[in-house]
Amino acid sequence: MTRALVLFAHPCPESFSAALDARVRAALDARGWEVDACDLYAEGFDPVLSRAERRAYHDAGANVASVRGQVDRLRAAEALVMVFPVWNFGFPAILKGFLDRVFLPGVSFRLEAGRVRPALTNVRRLAAVATYGGTRLRAALAGDPPRRVVTRAVRHACRPRRTRYLALYDMNRADAGRRRAFLDRVGRAMEAL
């Protein structure tokens, strides 16, 4: 049975992002996967990297002390799916903080002779489901940082067999039909992940 960690980062349970999270989880459940639903806001995840954590950052082993639970969940996952809105051309702070605090040396990467080597090779499938208030052109002009982080940095840490980045751009003007079509697209993508 495949185990998926689904990271959800939106503070409002009535949001479209919450509907996307529910669709992701339902599609993975329907496949018979074991889904570890991690709602960062509901769980009260603290995104702030402390001074002590930064000082222990390169001490593999000691660096996981304050985030042991999240690290264990990440290490147990064979699939990682992130569901989030893009705000100000970036991740919500809580998700960025998760990446800062949990994707640590010895957890998501190893440093060998000054080179970064992947350490999350247990994650064989990687996906992100994102909504953007602006158009794809606006995101591209800003460099589309969330897409780059997922498809380059996180992907490098995992070296998955499959990577999907699903984005609904121009959410500010998306009518019910476009939102419904995107929900369906996300469901199909999770069925094939």
C-alpha atoms as a PDB file:
ATOM      1  CA  MET A   1       0.000   0.000   0.000  1.00  0.00           C
ATOM      2  CA  THR A   2       1.369   3.408  -0.965  1.00  0.00           C
ATOM      3  CA  ARG A   3       1.552   5.975   1.824  1.00  0.00           C
ATOM      4  CA  ALA A   4       1.005   9.626   0.870  1.00  0.00           C
ATOM      5  CA  LEU A   5       1.715  12.678   2.981  1.00  0.00           C
ATOM      6  CA  VAL A   6      -0.680  15.453   1.905  1.00  0.00           C
ATOM      7  CA  LEU A   7       0.476  18.855   3.147  1.00  0.00           C
ATOM      8  CA  PHE A   8      -2.351  21.386   3.188  1.00  0.00           C
ATOM      9  CA  ALA A   9      -1.638  25.084   3.790  1.00  0.00           C
ATOM     10  CA  HIS A  10      -4.684  27.352   3.974  1.00  0.00           C
ATOM     11  CA  PRO A  11      -6.220  28.823   7.135  1.00  0.00           C
ATOM     12  CA  CYS A  12      -9.865  28.715   5.951  1.00  0.00           C
ATOM     13  CA  PRO A  13     -11.737  25.401   5.825  1.00  0.00           C
ATOM     14  CA  GLU A  14     -14.317  26.885   3.415  1.00  0.00           C
ATOM     15  CA  SER A  15     -11.683  27.916   0.853  1.00  0.00           C
ATOM     16  CA  PHE A  16     -11.300  26.538  -2.656  1.00  0.00           C
ATOM     17  CA  SER A  17      -7.901  25.250  -1.519  1.00  0.00           C
ATOM     18  CA  ALA A  18      -9.730  23.166   1.110  1.00  0.00           C
ATOM     19  CA  ALA A  19     -11.950  21.732  -1.644  1.00  0.00           C
ATOM     20  CA  LEU A  20      -8.793  20.847  -3.599  1.00  0.00           C
ATOM     21  CA  ASP A  21      -7.281  19.198  -0.524  1.00  0.00           C
ATOM     22  CA  ALA A  22     -10.454  17.135  -0.068  1.00  0.00           C
ATOM     23  CA  ARG A  23     -10.383  16.096  -3.747  1.00  0.00           C
ATOM     24  CA  VAL A  24      -6.730  15.052  -3.494  1.00  0.00           C
ATOM     25  CA  ARG A  25      -7.353  12.972  -0.388  1.00  0.00           C
ATOM     26  CA  ALA A  26     -10.524  11.383  -1.806  1.00  0.00           C
ATOM     27  CA  ALA A  27      -8.771  10.369  -5.034  1.00  0.00           C
ATOM     28  CA  LEU A  28      -5.833   8.850  -3.148  1.00  0.00           C
ATOM     29  CA  ASP A  29      -8.190   7.081  -0.713  1.00  0.00           C
ATOM     30  CA  ALA A  30     -10.102   5.647  -3.682  1.00  0.00           C
ATOM     31  CA  ARG A  31      -6.837   4.169  -4.959  1.00  0.00           C
ATOM     32  CA  GLY A  32      -6.420   2.367  -1.648  1.00  0.00           C
ATOM     33  CA  TRP A  33      -3.514   4.541  -0.560  1.00  0.00           C
ATOM     34  CA  GLU A  34      -2.845   5.302   3.088  1.00  0.00           C
ATOM     35  CA  VAL A  35      -3.239   9.079   3.357  1.00  0.00           C
ATOM     36  CA  ASP A  36      -1.524  11.069   6.103  1.00  0.00           C
ATOM     37  CA  ALA A  37      -3.432  14.358   5.979  1.00  0.00           C
ATOM     38  CA  CYS A  38      -1.301  17.151   7.425  1.00  0.00           C
ATOM     39  CA  ASP A  39      -3.297  20.378   7.736  1.00  0.00           C
ATOM     40  CA  LEU A  40      -0.534  22.718   8.853  1.00  0.00           C
ATOM     41  CA  TYR A  41      -2.921  25.360  10.234  1.00  0.00           C
ATOM     42  CA  ALA A  42      -5.212  22.900  12.031  1.00  0.00           C
ATOM     43  CA  GLU A  43      -2.177  21.186  13.560  1.00  0.00           C
ATOM     44  CA  GLY A  44      -0.771  24.527  14.721  1.00  0.00           C
ATOM     45  CA  PHE A  45       2.555  24.033  12.973  1.00  0.00           C
ATOM     46  CA  ASP A  46       5.031  26.761  13.986  1.00  0.00           C
ATOM     47  CA  PRO A  47       6.750  27.992  10.802  1.00  0.00           C
ATOM     48  CA  VAL A  48       9.402  30.055  12.576  1.00  0.00           C
ATOM     49  CA  LEU A  49      12.943  28.701  12.471  1.00  0.00           C
ATOM     50  CA  SER A  50      14.377  29.511  15.888  1.00  0.00           C
ATOM     51  CA  ARG A  51      17.900  30.699  16.615  1.00  0.00           C
ATOM     52  CA  ALA A  52      18.703  27.365  18.269  1.00  0.00           C
ATOM     53  CA  GLU A  53      17.350  25.430  15.269  1.00  0.00           C
ATOM     54  CA  ARG A  54      19.443  27.493  12.871  1.00  0.00           C
ATOM     55  CA  ARG A  55      22.556  26.901  14.966  1.00  0.00           C
ATOM     56  CA  ALA A  56      21.878  23.135  14.970  1.00  0.00           C
ATOM     57  CA  TYR A  57      20.859  23.117  11.287  1.00  0.00           C
ATOM     58  CA  HIS A  58      23.939  21.250  10.012  1.00  0.00           C
ATOM     59  CA  ASP A  59      24.055  18.806  12.940  1.00  0.00           C
ATOM     60  CA  ALA A  60      22.191  15.902  11.323  1.00  0.00           C
ATOM     61  CA  GLY A  61      20.336  14.079  14.030  1.00  0.00           C
ATOM     62  CA  ALA A  62      20.188  16.905  16.551  1.00  0.00           C
ATOM     63  CA  ASN A  63      18.585  19.201  13.962  1.00  0.00           C
ATOM     64  CA  VAL A  64      15.343  17.209  13.941  1.00  0.00           C
ATOM     65  CA  ALA A  65      14.657  17.428  17.683  1.00  0.00           C
ATOM     66  CA  SER A  66      11.964  20.112  17.465  1.00  0.00           C
ATOM     67  CA  VAL A  67      10.272  18.679  14.352  1.00  0.00           C
ATOM     68  CA  ARG A  68      10.678  14.941  14.942  1.00  0.00           C
ATOM     69  CA  GLY A  69       6.995  14.197  14.297  1.00  0.00           C
ATOM     70  CA  GLN A  70       6.962  15.957  10.927  1.00  0.00           C
ATOM     71  CA  VAL A  71      10.274  14.384   9.917  1.00  0.00           C
ATOM     72  CA  ASP A  72       8.961  10.915  10.785  1.00  0.00           C
ATOM     73  CA  ARG A  73       5.840  11.517   8.693  1.00  0.00           C
ATOM     74  CA  LEU A  74       7.928  12.741   5.757  1.00  0.00           C
ATOM     75  CA  ARG A  75      10.303   9.784   5.980  1.00  0.00           C
ATOM     76  CA  ALA A  76       7.350   7.366   6.039  1.00  0.00           C
ATOM     77  CA  ALA A  77       5.819   8.809   2.861  1.00  0.00           C
ATOM     78  CA  GLU A  78       6.181   7.284  -0.585  1.00  0.00           C
ATOM     79  CA  ALA A  79       4.259  10.185  -2.124  1.00  0.00           C
ATOM     80  CA  LEU A  80       4.231  13.858  -1.192  1.00  0.00           C
ATOM     81  CA  VAL A  81       1.399  16.136  -2.298  1.00  0.00           C
ATOM     82  CA  MET A  82       1.337  19.822  -1.380  1.00  0.00           C
ATOM     83  CA  VAL A  83      -1.924  21.807  -1.654  1.00  0.00           C
ATOM     84  CA  PHE A  84      -1.636  25.574  -1.262  1.00  0.00           C
ATOM     85  CA  PRO A  85      -2.572  29.005  -2.572  1.00  0.00           C
ATOM     86  CA  VAL A  86       0.151  31.245  -3.964  1.00  0.00           C
ATOM     87  CA  TRP A  87       0.239  34.542  -2.112  1.00  0.00           C
ATOM     88  CA  ASN A  88       2.498  37.392  -3.196  1.00  0.00           C
ATOM     89  CA  PHE A  89       4.204  35.032  -5.666  1.00  0.00           C
ATOM     90  CA  GLY A  90       5.210  32.653  -2.894  1.00  0.00           C
ATOM     91  CA  PHE A  91       4.099  29.909  -0.537  1.00  0.00           C
ATOM     92  CA  PRO A  92       1.945  30.716   2.482  1.00  0.00           C
ATOM     93  CA  ALA A  93       4.394  31.392   5.327  1.00  0.00           C
ATOM     94  CA  ILE A  94       3.347  28.230   7.151  1.00  0.00           C
ATOM     95  CA  LEU A  95       4.339  26.042   4.188  1.00  0.00           C
ATOM     96  CA  LYS A  96       7.579  27.929   3.613  1.00  0.00           C
ATOM     97  CA  GLY A  97       8.312  27.431   7.307  1.00  0.00           C
ATOM     98  CA  PHE A  98       7.641  23.706   6.952  1.00  0.00           C
ATOM     99  CA  LEU A  99      10.201  23.527   4.170  1.00  0.00           C
ATOM    100  CA  ASP A 100      12.685  25.581   6.228  1.00  0.00           C
ATOM    101  CA  ARG A 101      12.246  23.575   9.411  1.00  0.00           C
ATOM    102  CA  VAL A 102      11.664  20.025   8.124  1.00  0.00           C
ATOM    103  CA  PHE A 103      13.649  19.759   4.876  1.00  0.00           C
ATOM    104  CA  LEU A 104      16.918  19.546   6.795  1.00  0.00           C
ATOM    105  CA  PRO A 105      20.404  18.194   6.182  1.00  0.00           C
ATOM    106  CA  GLY A 106      20.192  14.463   6.827  1.00  0.00           C
ATOM    107  CA  VAL A 107      16.443  14.529   6.150  1.00  0.00           C
ATOM    108  CA  SER A 108      15.878  15.873   2.643  1.00  0.00           C
ATOM    109  CA  PHE A 109      19.502  16.152   1.531  1.00  0.00           C
ATOM    110  CA  ARG A 110      23.048  15.218   2.426  1.00  0.00           C
ATOM    111  CA  LEU A 111      26.122  17.336   1.917  1.00  0.00           C
ATOM    112  CA  GLU A 112      28.952  15.317   0.396  1.00  0.00           C
ATOM    113  CA  ALA A 113      32.175  17.186  -0.376  1.00  0.00           C
ATOM    114  CA  GLY A 114      30.178  20.404  -0.552  1.00  0.00           C
ATOM    115  CA  ARG A 115      27.617  18.960  -2.971  1.00  0.00           C
ATOM    116  CA  VAL A 116      23.923  18.456  -2.238  1.00  0.00           C
ATOM    117  CA  ARG A 117      22.733  14.865  -2.606  1.00  0.00           C
ATOM    118  CA  PRO A 118      19.093  13.741  -2.320  1.00  0.00           C
ATOM    119  CA  ALA A 119      18.057  12.026   0.900  1.00  0.00           C
ATOM    120  CA  LEU A 120      14.260  11.762   0.516  1.00  0.00           C
ATOM    121  CA  THR A 121      14.446   8.947  -1.971  1.00  0.00           C
ATOM    122  CA  ASN A 122      11.550   7.208  -0.204  1.00  0.00           C
ATOM    123  CA  VAL A 123       9.297   9.785  -1.914  1.00  0.00           C
ATOM    124  CA  ARG A 124       8.700   8.253  -5.350  1.00  0.00           C
ATOM    125  CA  ARG A 125       5.794  10.504  -6.352  1.00  0.00           C
ATOM    126  CA  LEU A 126       5.642  14.278  -5.942  1.00  0.00           C
ATOM    127  CA  ALA A 127       2.766  16.616  -6.712  1.00  0.00           C
ATOM    128  CA  ALA A 128       1.681  20.155  -5.975  1.00  0.00           C
ATOM    129  CA  VAL A 129      -1.774  21.652  -6.394  1.00  0.00           C
ATOM    130  CA  ALA A 130      -1.726  25.443  -6.335  1.00  0.00           C
ATOM    131  CA  THR A 131      -3.996  28.378  -6.998  1.00  0.00           C
ATOM    132  CA  TYR A 132      -2.747  31.777  -8.134  1.00  0.00           C
ATOM    133  CA  GLY A 133      -4.731  34.995  -7.915  1.00  0.00           C
ATOM    134  CA  GLY A 134      -2.994  36.372 -11.001  1.00  0.00           C
ATOM    135  CA  THR A 135      -2.491  35.120 -14.513  1.00  0.00           C
ATOM    136  CA  ARG A 136       0.177  32.682 -15.599  1.00  0.00           C
ATOM    137  CA  LEU A 137       1.944  35.536 -17.384  1.00  0.00           C
ATOM    138  CA  ARG A 138       2.155  37.560 -14.160  1.00  0.00           C
ATOM    139  CA  ALA A 139       3.506  34.531 -12.321  1.00  0.00           C
ATOM    140  CA  ALA A 140       6.035  33.877 -15.102  1.00  0.00           C
ATOM    141  CA  LEU A 141       7.189  37.496 -15.073  1.00  0.00           C
ATOM    142  CA  ALA A 142       7.838  37.110 -11.329  1.00  0.00           C
ATOM    143  CA  GLY A 143       9.740  33.858 -11.972  1.00  0.00           C
ATOM    144  CA  ASP A 144       6.959  31.653 -10.525  1.00  0.00           C
ATOM    145  CA  PRO A 145       8.945  30.796  -7.365  1.00  0.00           C
ATOM    146  CA  PRO A 146       6.563  28.124  -5.993  1.00  0.00           C
ATOM    147  CA  ARG A 147       6.667  26.152  -9.245  1.00  0.00           C
ATOM    148  CA  ARG A 148      10.463  26.375  -9.310  1.00  0.00           C
ATOM    149  CA  VAL A 149      10.864  25.301  -5.688  1.00  0.00           C
ATOM    150  CA  VAL A 150       8.625  22.257  -6.156  1.00  0.00           C
ATOM    151  CA  THR A 151       9.882  21.174  -9.595  1.00  0.00           C
ATOM    152  CA  ARG A 152      13.536  21.865  -8.906  1.00  0.00           C
ATOM    153  CA  ALA A 153      14.497  21.974  -5.212  1.00  0.00           C
ATOM    154  CA  VAL A 154      11.935  19.584  -3.699  1.00  0.00           C
ATOM    155  CA  ARG A 155      12.166  17.329  -6.737  1.00  0.00           C
ATOM    156  CA  HIS A 156      15.955  17.196  -6.376  1.00  0.00           C
ATOM    157  CA  ALA A 157      15.619  16.152  -2.734  1.00  0.00           C
ATOM    158  CA  CYS A 158      13.320  13.266  -3.682  1.00  0.00           C
ATOM    159  CA  ARG A 159      14.261  12.225  -7.215  1.00  0.00           C
ATOM    160  CA  PRO A 160      10.715  10.902  -7.707  1.00  0.00           C
ATOM    161  CA  ARG A 161       9.595   8.777 -10.648  1.00  0.00           C
ATOM    162  CA  ARG A 162       6.652  11.125 -11.158  1.00  0.00           C
ATOM    163  CA  THR A 163       6.280  14.860 -10.576  1.00  0.00           C
ATOM    164  CA  ARG A 164       3.118  16.872 -11.226  1.00  0.00           C
ATOM    165  CA  TYR A 165       2.566  20.601 -10.733  1.00  0.00           C
ATOM    166  CA  LEU A 166      -1.083  21.530 -11.176  1.00  0.00           C
ATOM    167  CA  ALA A 167      -1.963  25.214 -11.079  1.00  0.00           C
ATOM    168  CA  LEU A 168      -5.141  27.207 -11.466  1.00  0.00           C
ATOM    169  CA  TYR A 169      -3.996  30.661 -12.538  1.00  0.00           C
ATOM    170  CA  ASP A 170      -6.176  33.785 -12.487  1.00  0.00           C
ATOM    171  CA  MET A 171      -8.206  32.448  -9.567  1.00  0.00           C
ATOM    172  CA  ASN A 172      -9.487  35.970  -8.930  1.00  0.00           C
ATOM    173  CA  ARG A 173     -11.601  35.655 -12.079  1.00  0.00           C
ATOM    174  CA  ALA A 174     -12.246  31.908 -12.141  1.00  0.00           C
ATOM    175  CA  ASP A 175     -15.967  31.191 -12.380  1.00  0.00           C
ATOM    176  CA  ALA A 176     -17.674  28.091 -10.986  1.00  0.00           C
ATOM    177  CA  GLY A 177     -17.137  26.199 -14.258  1.00  0.00           C
ATOM    178  CA  ARG A 178     -13.375  26.794 -14.284  1.00  0.00           C
ATOM    179  CA  ARG A 179     -13.074  25.850 -10.628  1.00  0.00           C
ATOM    180  CA  ARG A 180     -15.091  22.664 -11.178  1.00  0.00           C
ATOM    181  CA  ALA A 181     -12.960  21.757 -14.218  1.00  0.00           C
ATOM    182  CA  PHE A 182      -9.795  22.239 -12.158  1.00  0.00           C
ATOM    183  CA  LEU A 183     -11.164  20.056  -9.342  1.00  0.00           C
ATOM    184  CA  ASP A 184     -11.826  17.347 -11.934  1.00  0.00           C
ATOM    185  CA  ARG A 185      -8.332  17.760 -13.409  1.00  0.00           C
ATOM    186  CA  VAL A 186      -6.795  17.405  -9.943  1.00  0.00           C
ATOM    187  CA  GLY A 187      -8.852  14.266  -9.268  1.00  0.00           C
ATOM    188  CA  ARG A 188      -7.701  12.680 -12.534  1.00  0.00           C
ATOM    189  CA  ALA A 189      -4.072  13.618 -11.851  1.00  0.00           C
ATOM    190  CA  MET A 190      -4.207  11.992  -8.397  1.00  0.00           C
ATOM    191  CA  GLU A 191      -5.715   8.846  -9.936  1.00  0.00           C
ATOM    192  CA  ALA A 192      -2.647   8.666 -12.209  1.00  0.00           C
ATOM    193  CA  LEU A 193       0.043   9.833  -9.763  1.00  0.00           C
END
